[in-house]
Amino acid sequence: MANFRGHVTTSGVLGVGYGVGATMLGGFTPMQGALAGCLTAVGGMLPDLDLENSTPSRELFALTAAVAPLVLMPRLMHWGGGYEGAMFLAVVIYLVVRYLGATIVGKLTVHRGMFHSIPALFIVAELVFLGYRSDQASTRFLMAGAVAVGFLSHLILDEIFSVQFTGIRFKLAKSAGSALKFMGSNVFANLFSYALLCALTYGVLIEGGWMRSPVADEGRGLFQQVQRAAESLRR
């Protein structure tokens, strides 16, 4: 298994390449490229959030708690109704992720469980897509893709380090196959992961404009009925 420093170095290098490529080839602004590069580096550390009571886990939760409000800041400004409200929500998010989130993850997960999986990769990417506020879907995909690239680098590196060379032959460690997987050994964790993935995918399809929300359609129809009723009363 690759150590924490190896994951940080790999995702950091990938982040530089991802950010530069987004700016030079993708037509994104330098600031967008820089943010995407940082998210790639952070994504490469996220699978190790399931390391309970470890130094990497504490550092990761502290980093995630600090980065999450920054990524959500445009939405926080909207939800909070101004600067003060946004700052209040940012502090609440930091405390929830830093302490409550760490406690919940530590109690409900095991290392190399569904946190190290392909579904978890898509879940994290979709959370970033839904959380990042931008009028351009391409920018949201850029940020979601950045986290996905970093996350995937972690999984691949773990699988690479699970292959041991003894000088005569290759030998697979017990951890082989536990990172790049679609299902784990815990049935509840599998069901929860795929239920969450389906819900987030539905949200992405709605937000991306590929699917119409039936709730929004019903609300729009009700609003139109009220408008027509009001117009008839004026007559």
C-alpha atoms as a PDB file:
ATOM      1  CA  MET A   1       0.000   0.000   0.000  1.00  0.00           C
ATOM      2  CA  ALA A   2       1.321   3.425  -0.905  1.00  0.00           C
ATOM      3  CA  ASN A   3       1.960   5.703   2.060  1.00  0.00           C
ATOM      4  CA  PHE A   4       0.309   9.044   2.680  1.00  0.00           C
ATOM      5  CA  ARG A   5       3.252  11.037   1.335  1.00  0.00           C
ATOM      6  CA  GLY A   6       3.213   9.016  -1.884  1.00  0.00           C
ATOM      7  CA  HIS A   7      -0.458   9.780  -2.435  1.00  0.00           C
ATOM      8  CA  VAL A   8       0.050  13.483  -1.734  1.00  0.00           C
ATOM      9  CA  THR A   9       3.002  13.687  -4.125  1.00  0.00           C
ATOM     10  CA  THR A  10       1.236  11.817  -6.920  1.00  0.00           C
ATOM     11  CA  SER A  11      -2.018  13.760  -6.711  1.00  0.00           C
ATOM     12  CA  GLY A  12      -0.085  17.019  -6.372  1.00  0.00           C
ATOM     13  CA  VAL A  13       1.858  16.389  -9.582  1.00  0.00           C
ATOM     14  CA  LEU A  14      -1.344  15.365 -11.346  1.00  0.00           C
ATOM     15  CA  GLY A  15      -2.989  18.523 -10.037  1.00  0.00           C
ATOM     16  CA  VAL A  16      -0.322  20.702 -11.617  1.00  0.00           C
ATOM     17  CA  GLY A  17      -0.768  18.939 -14.949  1.00  0.00           C
ATOM     18  CA  TYR A  18      -4.563  19.052 -14.710  1.00  0.00           C
ATOM     19  CA  GLY A  19      -4.641  22.744 -13.865  1.00  0.00           C
ATOM     20  CA  VAL A  20      -2.142  23.731 -16.552  1.00  0.00           C
ATOM     21  CA  GLY A  21      -3.944  21.592 -19.124  1.00  0.00           C
ATOM     22  CA  ALA A  22      -7.305  23.120 -18.223  1.00  0.00           C
ATOM     23  CA  THR A  23      -5.891  26.617 -18.662  1.00  0.00           C
ATOM     24  CA  MET A  24      -3.743  26.075 -21.751  1.00  0.00           C
ATOM     25  CA  LEU A  25      -5.894  23.573 -23.625  1.00  0.00           C
ATOM     26  CA  GLY A  26      -9.356  23.826 -22.111  1.00  0.00           C
ATOM     27  CA  GLY A  27      -9.750  27.580 -22.300  1.00  0.00           C
ATOM     28  CA  PHE A  28     -10.430  28.013 -18.585  1.00  0.00           C
ATOM     29  CA  THR A  29      -9.126  30.972 -16.607  1.00  0.00           C
ATOM     30  CA  PRO A  30      -5.847  30.634 -14.662  1.00  0.00           C
ATOM     31  CA  MET A  31      -7.765  30.851 -11.380  1.00  0.00           C
ATOM     32  CA  GLN A  32     -10.127  28.081 -12.449  1.00  0.00           C
ATOM     33  CA  GLY A  33      -7.154  25.976 -13.482  1.00  0.00           C
ATOM     34  CA  ALA A  34      -5.415  26.630 -10.166  1.00  0.00           C
ATOM     35  CA  LEU A  35      -8.527  25.685  -8.191  1.00  0.00           C
ATOM     36  CA  ALA A  36      -8.959  22.528 -10.255  1.00  0.00           C
ATOM     37  CA  GLY A  37      -5.332  21.614  -9.593  1.00  0.00           C
ATOM     38  CA  CYS A  38      -5.820  22.048  -5.850  1.00  0.00           C
ATOM     39  CA  LEU A  39      -8.963  19.910  -5.940  1.00  0.00           C
ATOM     40  CA  THR A  40      -7.017  17.187  -7.752  1.00  0.00           C
ATOM     41  CA  ALA A  41      -4.450  17.184  -4.962  1.00  0.00           C
ATOM     42  CA  VAL A  42      -7.183  17.034  -2.318  1.00  0.00           C
ATOM     43  CA  GLY A  43      -9.008  14.269  -4.202  1.00  0.00           C
ATOM     44  CA  GLY A  44      -5.910  12.106  -4.062  1.00  0.00           C
ATOM     45  CA  MET A  45      -6.099  12.069  -0.272  1.00  0.00           C
ATOM     46  CA  LEU A  46      -9.839  11.577   0.215  1.00  0.00           C
ATOM     47  CA  PRO A  47      -9.988   7.733   0.204  1.00  0.00           C
ATOM     48  CA  ASP A  48      -7.900   7.664   3.382  1.00  0.00           C
ATOM     49  CA  LEU A  49     -10.636   9.451   5.336  1.00  0.00           C
ATOM     50  CA  ASP A  50     -11.573   5.975   6.588  1.00  0.00           C
ATOM     51  CA  LEU A  51      -8.307   5.649   8.533  1.00  0.00           C
ATOM     52  CA  GLU A  52      -9.817   6.059  12.000  1.00  0.00           C
ATOM     53  CA  ASN A  53      -7.795   7.987  14.618  1.00  0.00           C
ATOM     54  CA  SER A  54      -4.766   8.310  12.355  1.00  0.00           C
ATOM     55  CA  THR A  55      -2.729  11.428  11.641  1.00  0.00           C
ATOM     56  CA  PRO A  56      -3.594  11.367   7.907  1.00  0.00           C
ATOM     57  CA  SER A  57      -7.289  11.067   8.763  1.00  0.00           C
ATOM     58  CA  ARG A  58      -7.201  14.035  11.137  1.00  0.00           C
ATOM     59  CA  GLU A  59      -5.286  16.134   8.628  1.00  0.00           C
ATOM     60  CA  LEU A  60      -7.653  15.132   5.831  1.00  0.00           C
ATOM     61  CA  PHE A  61     -10.769  16.019   7.784  1.00  0.00           C
ATOM     62  CA  ALA A  62      -9.242  19.356   8.757  1.00  0.00           C
ATOM     63  CA  LEU A  63      -8.338  20.037   5.120  1.00  0.00           C
ATOM     64  CA  THR A  64     -11.725  18.874   3.797  1.00  0.00           C
ATOM     65  CA  ALA A  65     -13.528  20.970   6.390  1.00  0.00           C
ATOM     66  CA  ALA A  66     -11.557  24.030   5.269  1.00  0.00           C
ATOM     67  CA  VAL A  67     -11.894  23.418   1.519  1.00  0.00           C
ATOM     68  CA  ALA A  68     -15.620  22.551   1.489  1.00  0.00           C
ATOM     69  CA  PRO A  69     -16.837  26.053   2.498  1.00  0.00           C
ATOM     70  CA  LEU A  70     -14.500  27.632  -0.070  1.00  0.00           C
ATOM     71  CA  VAL A  71     -15.908  25.491  -2.882  1.00  0.00           C
ATOM     72  CA  LEU A  72     -19.451  26.189  -1.675  1.00  0.00           C
ATOM     73  CA  MET A  73     -18.928  29.922  -1.073  1.00  0.00           C
ATOM     74  CA  PRO A  74     -20.994  31.128  -4.083  1.00  0.00           C
ATOM     75  CA  ARG A  75     -23.886  28.980  -2.882  1.00  0.00           C
ATOM     76  CA  LEU A  76     -23.365  30.065   0.722  1.00  0.00           C
ATOM     77  CA  MET A  77     -23.635  33.700  -0.360  1.00  0.00           C
ATOM     78  CA  HIS A  78     -26.956  32.838  -1.981  1.00  0.00           C
ATOM     79  CA  TRP A  79     -28.276  30.720   0.885  1.00  0.00           C
ATOM     80  CA  GLY A  80     -27.088  33.079   3.599  1.00  0.00           C
ATOM     81  CA  GLY A  81     -28.492  36.179   1.936  1.00  0.00           C
ATOM     82  CA  GLY A  82     -25.236  38.092   2.284  1.00  0.00           C
ATOM     83  CA  TYR A  83     -21.698  38.096   3.641  1.00  0.00           C
ATOM     84  CA  GLU A  84     -22.571  37.528   7.314  1.00  0.00           C
ATOM     85  CA  GLY A  85     -24.925  34.662   6.567  1.00  0.00           C
ATOM     86  CA  ALA A  86     -22.377  33.028   4.273  1.00  0.00           C
ATOM     87  CA  MET A  87     -19.660  33.262   6.927  1.00  0.00           C
ATOM     88  CA  PHE A  88     -21.979  31.738   9.527  1.00  0.00           C
ATOM     89  CA  LEU A  89     -22.811  28.822   7.228  1.00  0.00           C
ATOM     90  CA  ALA A  90     -19.109  28.366   6.404  1.00  0.00           C
ATOM     91  CA  VAL A  91     -18.262  28.037  10.107  1.00  0.00           C
ATOM     92  CA  VAL A  92     -21.125  25.573  10.630  1.00  0.00           C
ATOM     93  CA  ILE A  93     -19.964  23.445   7.686  1.00  0.00           C
ATOM     94  CA  TYR A  94     -16.388  23.468   8.987  1.00  0.00           C
ATOM     95  CA  LEU A  95     -17.440  22.286  12.454  1.00  0.00           C
ATOM     96  CA  VAL A  96     -19.811  19.628  11.112  1.00  0.00           C
ATOM     97  CA  VAL A  97     -17.246  18.166   8.700  1.00  0.00           C
ATOM     98  CA  ARG A  98     -14.271  18.504  11.042  1.00  0.00           C
ATOM     99  CA  TYR A  99     -15.808  16.919  14.127  1.00  0.00           C
ATOM    100  CA  LEU A 100     -19.196  15.324  13.480  1.00  0.00           C
ATOM    101  CA  GLY A 101     -18.160  13.987  10.065  1.00  0.00           C
ATOM    102  CA  ALA A 102     -14.947  12.503  11.427  1.00  0.00           C
ATOM    103  CA  THR A 103     -16.839  10.777  14.236  1.00  0.00           C
ATOM    104  CA  ILE A 104     -19.506   9.321  11.943  1.00  0.00           C
ATOM    105  CA  VAL A 105     -17.007   8.076   9.354  1.00  0.00           C
ATOM    106  CA  GLY A 106     -14.827   6.563  12.070  1.00  0.00           C
ATOM    107  CA  LYS A 107     -17.758   4.639  13.552  1.00  0.00           C
ATOM    108  CA  LEU A 108     -19.392   3.456  10.335  1.00  0.00           C
ATOM    109  CA  THR A 109     -16.471   2.650   8.034  1.00  0.00           C
ATOM    110  CA  VAL A 110     -13.484   0.347   7.886  1.00  0.00           C
ATOM    111  CA  HIS A 111     -10.250   0.977   6.032  1.00  0.00           C
ATOM    112  CA  ARG A 112     -10.312  -0.255   2.446  1.00  0.00           C
ATOM    113  CA  GLY A 113     -14.106  -0.501   2.598  1.00  0.00           C
ATOM    114  CA  MET A 114     -16.407   1.320   0.184  1.00  0.00           C
ATOM    115  CA  PHE A 115     -14.402   4.526   0.628  1.00  0.00           C
ATOM    116  CA  HIS A 116     -11.843   2.790  -1.571  1.00  0.00           C
ATOM    117  CA  SER A 117     -14.108   2.015  -4.521  1.00  0.00           C
ATOM    118  CA  ILE A 118     -15.262   3.202  -7.933  1.00  0.00           C
ATOM    119  CA  PRO A 119     -18.743   4.166  -6.630  1.00  0.00           C
ATOM    120  CA  ALA A 120     -17.096   6.373  -3.993  1.00  0.00           C
ATOM    121  CA  LEU A 121     -15.129   8.083  -6.767  1.00  0.00           C
ATOM    122  CA  PHE A 122     -18.328   8.994  -8.612  1.00  0.00           C
ATOM    123  CA  ILE A 123     -20.067  10.033  -5.387  1.00  0.00           C
ATOM    124  CA  VAL A 124     -17.308  12.492  -4.511  1.00  0.00           C
ATOM    125  CA  ALA A 125     -17.183  13.880  -8.055  1.00  0.00           C
ATOM    126  CA  GLU A 126     -20.951  14.353  -8.165  1.00  0.00           C
ATOM    127  CA  LEU A 127     -20.957  16.066  -4.779  1.00  0.00           C
ATOM    128  CA  VAL A 128     -18.449  18.575  -6.134  1.00  0.00           C
ATOM    129  CA  PHE A 129     -20.512  19.070  -9.305  1.00  0.00           C
ATOM    130  CA  LEU A 130     -23.652  19.759  -7.277  1.00  0.00           C
ATOM    131  CA  GLY A 131     -21.886  21.871  -4.673  1.00  0.00           C
ATOM    132  CA  TYR A 132     -19.889  24.099  -7.025  1.00  0.00           C
ATOM    133  CA  ARG A 133     -22.030  27.013  -8.184  1.00  0.00           C
ATOM    134  CA  SER A 134     -21.398  28.155 -11.738  1.00  0.00           C
ATOM    135  CA  ASP A 135     -23.522  29.128 -14.710  1.00  0.00           C
ATOM    136  CA  GLN A 136     -21.220  27.078 -16.944  1.00  0.00           C
ATOM    137  CA  ALA A 137     -21.692  23.306 -16.750  1.00  0.00           C
ATOM    138  CA  SER A 138     -18.202  22.888 -18.211  1.00  0.00           C
ATOM    139  CA  THR A 139     -16.675  24.613 -15.176  1.00  0.00           C
ATOM    140  CA  ARG A 140     -18.574  22.362 -12.808  1.00  0.00           C
ATOM    141  CA  PHE A 141     -17.417  19.324 -14.766  1.00  0.00           C
ATOM    142  CA  LEU A 142     -13.854  20.648 -14.581  1.00  0.00           C
ATOM    143  CA  MET A 143     -13.973  20.752 -10.781  1.00  0.00           C
ATOM    144  CA  ALA A 144     -15.742  17.404 -10.477  1.00  0.00           C
ATOM    145  CA  GLY A 145     -13.254  15.833 -12.872  1.00  0.00           C
ATOM    146  CA  ALA A 146     -10.362  17.238 -10.858  1.00  0.00           C
ATOM    147  CA  VAL A 147     -11.472  15.473  -7.692  1.00  0.00           C
ATOM    148  CA  ALA A 148     -12.177  12.299  -9.670  1.00  0.00           C
ATOM    149  CA  VAL A 149      -8.669  12.281 -11.189  1.00  0.00           C
ATOM    150  CA  GLY A 150      -7.053  12.690  -7.782  1.00  0.00           C
ATOM    151  CA  PHE A 151      -9.299  10.056  -6.212  1.00  0.00           C
ATOM    152  CA  LEU A 152      -8.580   7.596  -9.027  1.00  0.00           C
ATOM    153  CA  SER A 153      -4.830   8.141  -8.678  1.00  0.00           C
ATOM    154  CA  HIS A 154      -5.097   7.050  -5.046  1.00  0.00           C
ATOM    155  CA  LEU A 155      -6.955   3.855  -5.944  1.00  0.00           C
ATOM    156  CA  ILE A 156      -4.555   2.978  -8.763  1.00  0.00           C
ATOM    157  CA  LEU A 157      -1.509   3.632  -6.588  1.00  0.00           C
ATOM    158  CA  ASP A 158      -2.889   1.350  -3.871  1.00  0.00           C
ATOM    159  CA  GLU A 159      -3.371  -1.435  -6.409  1.00  0.00           C
ATOM    160  CA  ILE A 160       0.125  -0.941  -7.839  1.00  0.00           C
ATOM    161  CA  PHE A 161       1.666  -1.231  -4.388  1.00  0.00           C
ATOM    162  CA  SER A 162      -0.336  -4.381  -3.670  1.00  0.00           C
ATOM    163  CA  VAL A 163       1.864  -6.193  -6.208  1.00  0.00           C
ATOM    164  CA  GLN A 164       5.067  -7.369  -4.547  1.00  0.00           C
ATOM    165  CA  PHE A 165       8.174  -8.467  -6.432  1.00  0.00           C
ATOM    166  CA  THR A 166      10.287 -10.956  -4.495  1.00  0.00           C
ATOM    167  CA  GLY A 167      13.111 -11.018  -7.032  1.00  0.00           C
ATOM    168  CA  ILE A 168      11.905 -14.269  -8.549  1.00  0.00           C
ATOM    169  CA  ARG A 169       8.200 -13.778  -9.076  1.00  0.00           C
ATOM    170  CA  PHE A 170       5.387 -11.352  -8.491  1.00  0.00           C
ATOM    171  CA  LYS A 171       3.182 -11.845  -5.470  1.00  0.00           C
ATOM    172  CA  LEU A 172      -0.141 -10.195  -4.680  1.00  0.00           C
ATOM    173  CA  ALA A 173      -0.633  -8.773  -1.215  1.00  0.00           C
ATOM    174  CA  LYS A 174      -3.831  -9.416   0.742  1.00  0.00           C
ATOM    175  CA  SER A 175      -4.952  -5.878  -0.107  1.00  0.00           C
ATOM    176  CA  ALA A 176      -4.900  -6.576  -3.866  1.00  0.00           C
ATOM    177  CA  GLY A 177      -8.219  -5.759  -5.488  1.00  0.00           C
ATOM    178  CA  SER A 178      -9.552  -3.875  -2.473  1.00  0.00           C
ATOM    179  CA  ALA A 179      -9.210  -0.400  -4.019  1.00  0.00           C
ATOM    180  CA  LEU A 180     -10.437  -0.596  -7.620  1.00  0.00           C
ATOM    181  CA  LYS A 181     -13.654  -2.404  -6.763  1.00  0.00           C
ATOM    182  CA  PHE A 182     -17.357  -1.887  -7.352  1.00  0.00           C
ATOM    183  CA  MET A 183     -18.610  -3.702  -4.251  1.00  0.00           C
ATOM    184  CA  GLY A 184     -17.275  -4.483  -0.810  1.00  0.00           C
ATOM    185  CA  SER A 185     -17.972  -7.252   1.694  1.00  0.00           C
ATOM    186  CA  ASN A 186     -20.513  -5.252   3.723  1.00  0.00           C
ATOM    187  CA  VAL A 187     -23.999  -5.506   2.205  1.00  0.00           C
ATOM    188  CA  PHE A 188     -25.319  -2.414   3.997  1.00  0.00           C
ATOM    189  CA  ALA A 189     -22.358  -0.319   2.831  1.00  0.00           C
ATOM    190  CA  ASN A 190     -22.917  -1.497  -0.738  1.00  0.00           C
ATOM    191  CA  LEU A 191     -26.634  -0.682  -0.679  1.00  0.00           C
ATOM    192  CA  PHE A 192     -26.069   2.711   0.915  1.00  0.00           C
ATOM    193  CA  SER A 193     -23.297   3.613  -1.537  1.00  0.00           C
ATOM    194  CA  TYR A 194     -25.331   2.745  -4.609  1.00  0.00           C
ATOM    195  CA  ALA A 195     -28.485   4.402  -3.258  1.00  0.00           C
ATOM    196  CA  LEU A 196     -26.507   7.589  -2.644  1.00  0.00           C
ATOM    197  CA  LEU A 197     -24.873   7.313  -6.063  1.00  0.00           C
ATOM    198  CA  CYS A 198     -28.264   6.975  -7.778  1.00  0.00           C
ATOM    199  CA  ALA A 199     -29.664   9.965  -5.883  1.00  0.00           C
ATOM    200  CA  LEU A 200     -26.662  12.139  -6.730  1.00  0.00           C
ATOM    201  CA  THR A 201     -26.684  11.032 -10.370  1.00  0.00           C
ATOM    202  CA  TYR A 202     -30.332  12.057 -10.590  1.00  0.00           C
ATOM    203  CA  GLY A 203     -29.410  15.436  -9.114  1.00  0.00           C
ATOM    204  CA  VAL A 204     -26.577  15.870 -11.624  1.00  0.00           C
ATOM    205  CA  LEU A 205     -28.910  15.069 -14.520  1.00  0.00           C
ATOM    206  CA  ILE A 206     -31.379  17.672 -13.255  1.00  0.00           C
ATOM    207  CA  GLU A 207     -28.716  20.310 -12.590  1.00  0.00           C
ATOM    208  CA  GLY A 208     -26.999  19.663 -15.903  1.00  0.00           C
ATOM    209  CA  GLY A 209     -30.238  20.136 -17.814  1.00  0.00           C
ATOM    210  CA  TRP A 210     -30.361  16.583 -19.206  1.00  0.00           C
ATOM    211  CA  MET A 211     -33.534  15.749 -17.286  1.00  0.00           C
ATOM    212  CA  ARG A 212     -36.523  17.793 -16.189  1.00  0.00           C
ATOM    213  CA  SER A 213     -37.549  17.724 -12.552  1.00  0.00           C
ATOM    214  CA  PRO A 214     -41.162  16.554 -12.097  1.00  0.00           C
ATOM    215  CA  VAL A 215     -41.374  18.601  -8.895  1.00  0.00           C
ATOM    216  CA  ALA A 216     -40.303  21.742 -10.730  1.00  0.00           C
ATOM    217  CA  ASP A 217     -42.763  20.993 -13.542  1.00  0.00           C
ATOM    218  CA  GLU A 218     -45.620  20.566 -11.060  1.00  0.00           C
ATOM    219  CA  GLY A 219     -44.644  23.775  -9.298  1.00  0.00           C
ATOM    220  CA  ARG A 220     -44.464  25.632 -12.594  1.00  0.00           C
ATOM    221  CA  GLY A 221     -47.897  24.285 -13.590  1.00  0.00           C
ATOM    222  CA  LEU A 222     -49.399  25.308 -10.256  1.00  0.00           C
ATOM    223  CA  PHE A 223     -47.912  28.781 -10.589  1.00  0.00           C
ATOM    224  CA  GLN A 224     -49.398  29.137 -14.063  1.00  0.00           C
ATOM    225  CA  GLN A 225     -52.820  28.067 -12.770  1.00  0.00           C
ATOM    226  CA  VAL A 226     -52.641  30.667 -10.006  1.00  0.00           C
ATOM    227  CA  GLN A 227     -51.658  33.301 -12.549  1.00  0.00           C
ATOM    228  CA  ARG A 228     -54.611  32.429 -14.784  1.00  0.00           C
ATOM    229  CA  ALA A 229     -56.990  32.486 -11.813  1.00  0.00           C
ATOM    230  CA  ALA A 230     -55.697  35.907 -10.769  1.00  0.00           C
ATOM    231  CA  GLU A 231     -56.129  37.251 -14.291  1.00  0.00           C
ATOM    232  CA  SER A 232     -59.703  35.942 -14.470  1.00  0.00           C
ATOM    233  CA  LEU A 233     -60.526  37.666 -11.177  1.00  0.00           C
ATOM    234  CA  ARG A 234     -59.229  40.979 -12.515  1.00  0.00           C
ATOM    235  CA  ARG A 235     -61.618  40.694 -15.430  1.00  0.00           C
END
